[in-house]
Each structure stands twice: as C-alpha cells, then as structure tokens.
C-alpha cells in the first residue's frame, strides 16, 4: 500500500508549482536570518526540508548572499501606497505587523530595526526545485 503523507497548504502549493512543468526546474528565493556572517545556513525551511525528506522534490542550491530583506522592503512599499509622506509612527505600526507575522523562533532574528528604513540584513538563498516522479506508480 502506498503511503500518502499529509502536507500543509504551502507544501502542496510548492509541489504543484514544481510539477507544473516537470522538464524545467522551479527557481525559488527565500530569506534566512543572518546568524554567522561568514557562512550561509545549511538547512532549508522546514516545509521544504520535509518534502525533500519524503522524496517528493529535489533541490539544487545555486547561490546565497547577505542582502537587505527584499520581503521587508516590498512589504513596506505596499504599506506606504496610500501614504503621502511616511513617518516614524507609520514605520512603527508596519514593524509591529511584520513582527507579529514572523512569529517566534529563528524568524524573530529577521525583525526590522526600530528606525525608519532599518531593514534587516538576511541571507537570500536561491534554489532550484524539481518534482520527483514516484517510481512505483
């Protein structure tokens, strides 16, 4: 009997995107907190690692660099769309929303600074993902 694992919404979406074009690899970028400036993190986010572990995807690592968080920058730009001149108060409100969204754990290391425009430096990792076709079907 074939075991069908229970997957999260994010895992199902990643698997769907990877299977969409089984010839090409899916290019992904994700951010990871900077803990040690000299070495990028070895691990993948848990939802990706679980798919690797149960042999549903293969991942090829391409590049990792320390840059200002692109997620934070785009979120801030979106937040400011209706503001004529963003202030420190606006930054504080946006920052609290981002911190609540990050939750607990290692992601807390990615919280933006308190000063206006203090985006966090993060590892941005590029990977290529391919869906694995089960051999026993």
Protein backbone atom coordinates (compact mmCIF):
# COMPACT_ATOMS: atom_id res chain seq x y z
CA UNK A 1 0.00 0.00 0.00
CA UNK A 2 1.29 3.46 -0.90
CA UNK A 3 1.70 5.90 1.98
CA UNK A 4 0.30 9.36 1.22
CA UNK A 5 1.80 11.93 3.58
CA UNK A 6 -0.28 14.76 4.96
CA UNK A 7 1.05 18.03 3.54
CA UNK A 8 0.49 21.64 4.51
CA UNK A 9 -1.06 24.16 2.11
CA UNK A 10 2.39 25.64 1.45
CA UNK A 11 3.87 22.22 0.69
CA UNK A 12 1.03 21.35 -1.67
CA UNK A 13 1.44 24.67 -3.49
CA UNK A 14 5.21 24.19 -3.85
CA UNK A 15 4.68 20.64 -5.13
CA UNK A 16 2.00 21.85 -7.58
CA UNK A 17 4.34 24.55 -8.95
CA UNK A 18 7.23 22.11 -9.23
CA UNK A 19 5.06 19.57 -11.08
CA UNK A 20 3.51 22.19 -13.38
CA UNK A 21 6.46 21.98 -15.75
CA UNK A 22 8.28 18.75 -14.99
CA UNK A 23 11.00 19.48 -17.57
CA UNK A 24 12.14 22.78 -16.08
CA UNK A 25 13.35 23.45 -12.56
CA UNK A 26 11.42 25.93 -10.45
CA UNK A 27 13.60 28.83 -9.33
CA UNK A 28 12.95 29.97 -5.74
CA UNK A 29 14.45 32.55 -3.43
CA UNK A 30 13.96 32.58 0.32
CA UNK A 31 15.30 34.61 3.20
CA UNK A 32 17.04 33.25 6.26
CA UNK A 33 18.30 35.16 9.32
CA UNK A 34 21.97 36.09 9.47
CA UNK A 35 23.46 34.28 12.45
CA UNK A 36 27.02 33.97 11.23
CA UNK A 37 28.14 36.46 8.55
CA UNK A 38 30.71 34.09 7.09
CA UNK A 39 28.59 31.02 6.34
CA UNK A 40 25.11 30.69 4.85
CA UNK A 41 22.71 28.37 6.66
CA UNK A 42 22.88 24.69 5.72
CA UNK A 43 19.24 23.84 6.41
CA UNK A 44 16.22 24.66 4.29
CA UNK A 45 12.95 25.95 5.78
CA UNK A 46 11.08 23.09 7.42
CA UNK A 47 8.28 22.90 4.84
CA UNK A 48 10.88 22.45 2.04
CA UNK A 49 13.06 20.03 4.03
CA UNK A 50 10.08 17.77 4.75
CA UNK A 51 9.34 17.48 1.01
CA UNK A 52 12.99 16.59 0.38
CA UNK A 53 12.97 14.01 3.18
CA UNK A 54 9.91 12.20 1.81
CA UNK A 55 11.40 12.29 -1.71
CA UNK A 56 8.76 14.46 -3.37
CA UNK A 57 11.20 17.14 -4.54
CA UNK A 58 14.88 17.51 -5.36
CA UNK A 59 16.66 20.77 -4.55
CA UNK A 60 19.75 22.15 -6.18
CA UNK A 61 21.38 25.03 -4.35
CA UNK A 62 22.55 27.87 -6.56
CA UNK A 63 23.67 30.89 -4.54
CA UNK A 64 23.40 32.59 -1.17
CA UNK A 65 24.23 36.21 -0.35
CA UNK A 66 23.73 38.63 2.52
CA UNK A 67 21.47 41.48 1.43
CA UNK A 68 18.78 43.73 2.83
CA UNK A 69 15.48 41.84 3.20
CA UNK A 70 13.56 42.07 -0.07
CA UNK A 71 10.43 40.81 1.70
CA UNK A 72 10.57 43.68 4.20
CA UNK A 73 11.26 46.28 1.51
CA UNK A 74 8.36 45.18 -0.70
CA UNK A 75 6.04 44.93 2.31
CA UNK A 76 6.98 48.48 3.37
CA UNK A 77 6.42 49.83 -0.16
CA UNK A 78 2.99 48.19 -0.26
CA UNK A 79 2.16 49.57 3.19
CA UNK A 80 3.09 53.11 2.05
CA UNK A 81 1.00 53.09 -1.14
CA UNK A 82 -1.72 55.33 0.34
CA UNK A 83 0.62 57.47 2.47
CA UNK A 84 1.79 60.82 1.14
CA UNK A 85 4.79 61.04 3.46
CA UNK A 86 5.51 58.02 5.70
CA UNK A 87 6.54 58.84 9.25
CA UNK A 88 8.26 57.06 12.12
CA UNK A 89 4.79 56.30 13.55
CA UNK A 90 3.84 54.57 10.28
CA UNK A 91 7.09 52.60 10.42
CA UNK A 92 6.31 51.51 13.99
CA UNK A 93 2.84 50.26 13.01
CA UNK A 94 4.18 48.41 9.98
CA UNK A 95 7.05 46.95 12.02
CA UNK A 96 4.68 45.59 14.67
CA UNK A 97 2.64 43.90 11.92
CA UNK A 98 5.76 42.29 10.43
CA UNK A 99 6.94 41.08 13.85
CA UNK A 100 3.51 39.53 14.54
CA UNK A 101 3.65 37.85 11.13
CA UNK A 102 7.12 36.39 11.80
CA UNK A 103 6.02 34.66 14.97
CA UNK A 104 8.51 33.00 17.30
CA UNK A 105 11.75 31.14 16.84
CA UNK A 106 14.55 31.83 14.40
CA UNK A 107 12.35 34.16 12.33
CA UNK A 108 12.45 36.71 15.18
CA UNK A 109 16.07 37.34 14.18
CA UNK A 110 14.67 38.87 10.97
CA UNK A 111 12.72 41.68 12.67
CA UNK A 112 13.28 45.10 11.07
CA UNK A 113 15.02 47.79 13.11
CA UNK A 114 13.16 50.44 15.10
CA UNK A 115 14.36 53.37 13.00
CA UNK A 116 12.59 54.39 9.80
CA UNK A 117 14.02 52.37 6.91
CA UNK A 118 16.11 49.98 9.03
CA UNK A 119 15.51 46.80 7.06
CA UNK A 120 17.19 43.67 8.35
CA UNK A 121 20.16 42.07 6.61
CA UNK A 122 19.33 38.47 5.71
CA UNK A 123 20.72 35.55 3.76
CA UNK A 124 18.89 35.36 0.44
CA UNK A 125 19.25 31.85 -0.93
CA UNK A 126 18.48 30.82 -4.49
CA UNK A 127 17.49 27.21 -5.08
CA UNK A 128 16.12 25.20 -8.00
CA UNK A 129 13.35 22.71 -7.26
CA UNK A 130 12.19 19.75 -9.31
CA UNK A 131 9.32 17.39 -8.51
CA UNK A 132 10.31 13.75 -8.16
CA UNK A 133 8.12 11.31 -10.03
CA UNK A 134 7.37 8.22 -7.92
CA UNK A 135 8.90 5.12 -9.49
CA UNK A 136 6.35 2.64 -8.13
CA UNK A 137 3.23 4.09 -9.81
